[in-house]
C-alpha atoms as a PDB file:
ATOM      1  CA  MET A   1       0.270   0.008  -0.323  1.00  0.00           C
ATOM      2  CA  GLU A   2       2.897   1.923   0.403  1.00  0.00           C
ATOM      3  CA  PHE A   3       3.891   1.605  -3.161  1.00  0.00           C
ATOM      4  CA  ALA A   4       0.819   3.072  -3.822  1.00  0.00           C
ATOM      5  CA  ASN A   5       0.430   6.584  -1.760  1.00  0.00           C
ATOM      6  CA  THR A   6       4.067   6.711  -2.750  1.00  0.00           C
ATOM      7  CA  ILE A   7       2.122   6.968  -6.770  1.00  0.00           C
ATOM      8  CA  LYS A   8      -0.255   9.377  -5.623  1.00  0.00           C
ATOM      9  CA  GLU A   9       2.043  11.362  -4.274  1.00  0.00           C
ATOM     10  CA  THR A  10       4.310  12.031  -6.497  1.00  0.00           C
ATOM     11  CA  LEU A  11       1.127  12.695  -9.469  1.00  0.00           C
ATOM     12  CA  GLN A  12      -0.759  15.016  -6.954  1.00  0.00           C
ATOM     13  CA  ALA A  13       2.602  16.948  -6.745  1.00  0.00           C
ATOM     14  CA  SER A  14       3.557  17.039 -10.532  1.00  0.00           C
ATOM     15  CA  THR A  15      -0.475  18.719 -10.881  1.00  0.00           C
ATOM     16  CA  GLU A  16      -0.472  21.401  -8.463  1.00  0.00           C
ATOM     17  CA  SER A  17       2.646  23.390  -9.926  1.00  0.00           C
ATOM     18  CA  ALA A  18       0.679  26.149 -11.092  1.00  0.00           C
ATOM     19  CA  ASN A  19       4.158  27.794 -12.598  1.00  0.00           C
ATOM     20  CA  ARG A  20       5.034  24.371 -15.342  1.00  0.00           C
ATOM     21  CA  GLY A  21       5.641  24.787 -19.294  1.00  0.00           C
ATOM     22  CA  GLY A  22       8.708  27.195 -18.495  1.00  0.00           C
ATOM     23  CA  GLY A  23       6.886  31.104 -17.228  1.00  0.00           C
ATOM     24  CA  LYS A  24      10.082  30.662 -14.603  1.00  0.00           C
ATOM     25  CA  GLY A  25       7.995  33.976 -12.610  1.00  0.00           C
ATOM     26  CA  ASP A  26       9.676  36.470 -15.437  1.00  0.00           C
ATOM     27  CA  GLY A  27       6.597  38.261 -16.151  1.00  0.00           C
ATOM     28  CA  SER A  28       6.466  36.904 -19.910  1.00  0.00           C
ATOM     29  CA  LYS A  29       2.253  36.705 -20.930  1.00  0.00           C
ATOM     30  CA  GLY A  30       3.657  35.049 -24.155  1.00  0.00           C
ATOM     31  CA  ALA A  31       6.204  35.321 -26.943  1.00  0.00           C
ATOM     32  CA  TYR A  32       6.300  36.409 -30.751  1.00  0.00           C
ATOM     33  CA  TRP A  33       6.138  33.990 -33.297  1.00  0.00           C
ATOM     34  CA  CYS A  34       6.332  33.861 -37.274  1.00  0.00           C
ATOM     35  CA  HIS A  35       4.423  31.079 -38.600  1.00  0.00           C
ATOM     36  CA  ASP A  36       6.436  30.931 -41.691  1.00  0.00           C
ATOM     37  CA  CYS A  37       9.837  30.517 -40.298  1.00  0.00           C
ATOM     38  CA  ALA A  38       8.158  28.360 -36.644  1.00  0.00           C
ATOM     39  CA  GLU A  39      10.464  31.555 -35.519  1.00  0.00           C
ATOM     40  CA  ARG A  40      10.141  32.638 -32.017  1.00  0.00           C
ATOM     41  CA  ILE A  41      10.924  34.752 -29.706  1.00  0.00           C
ATOM     42  CA  ARG A  42       9.636  35.606 -25.669  1.00  0.00           C
ATOM     43  CA  ASP A  43       7.767  38.825 -24.550  1.00  0.00           C
ATOM     44  CA  VAL A  44       9.895  39.237 -22.003  1.00  0.00           C
ATOM     45  CA  ASP A  45      12.963  38.825 -24.310  1.00  0.00           C
ATOM     46  CA  VAL A  46      11.491  42.240 -26.802  1.00  0.00           C
ATOM     47  CA  GLU A  47      12.303  45.798 -25.949  1.00  0.00           C
ATOM     48  CA  GLY A  48       9.703  48.133 -26.300  1.00  0.00           C
ATOM     49  CA  GLU A  49       5.639  47.165 -27.845  1.00  0.00           C
ATOM     50  CA  THR A  50       6.532  47.604 -31.306  1.00  0.00           C
ATOM     51  CA  PRO A  51       6.117  44.115 -32.392  1.00  0.00           C
ATOM     52  CA  PRO A  52       9.712  42.291 -33.861  1.00  0.00           C
ATOM     53  CA  ASP A  53      10.655  41.561 -37.089  1.00  0.00           C
ATOM     54  CA  CYS A  54      11.549  37.754 -37.867  1.00  0.00           C
ATOM     55  CA  PRO A  55      15.188  37.177 -37.827  1.00  0.00           C
ATOM     56  CA  ASP A  56      14.853  34.674 -41.121  1.00  0.00           C
ATOM     57  CA  CYS A  57      12.357  36.882 -42.987  1.00  0.00           C
ATOM     58  CA  GLY A  58      11.642  39.773 -41.954  1.00  0.00           C
ATOM     59  CA  VAL A  59       7.966  40.164 -41.713  1.00  0.00           C
ATOM     60  CA  ALA A  60       6.341  41.513 -38.378  1.00  0.00           C
ATOM     61  CA  MET A  61       5.844  38.913 -35.675  1.00  0.00           C
ATOM     62  CA  GLU A  62       2.184  38.100 -34.173  1.00  0.00           C
ATOM     63  CA  PHE A  63       1.794  38.006 -30.569  1.00  0.00           C
ATOM     64  CA  GLU A  64      -0.196  35.089 -29.050  1.00  0.00           C
ATOM     65  CA  ARG A  65      -0.382  34.046 -25.730  1.00  0.00           C
ATOM     66  CA  SER A  66      -1.424  30.937 -23.761  1.00  0.00           C
ATOM     67  CA  PRO A  67      -5.174  31.041 -22.967  1.00  0.00           C
ATOM     68  CA  SER A  68      -4.054  28.141 -19.705  1.00  0.00           C
ATOM     69  CA  THR A  69      -3.391  29.824 -16.176  1.00  0.00           C
ATOM     70  CA  THR A  70      -1.144  26.864 -15.237  1.00  0.00           C
ATOM     71  CA  GLY A  71       1.186  28.639 -17.944  1.00  0.00           C
ATOM     72  CA  CYS A  72       1.414  25.312 -19.820  1.00  0.00           C
ATOM     73  CA  ALA A  73       1.799  26.396 -23.932  1.00  0.00           C
ATOM     74  CA  CYS A  74       0.024  23.274 -24.601  1.00  0.00           C
END
């Protein structure tokens, strides 16, 4: 029975984390994406309010954020 309790505690701990998925608590709200090039730049890595241009093709990138409250962008 101890083995079952260990498994239960492990699974419970993995779903209770409010900061899963690499949110890192750094204030990130999402990322800028170039869907043609599959390029991604996190919003906290961009200076200013203007969307950056894709480093590969030069087209303005689109901001997207996850509606998830857990920080998971799945």
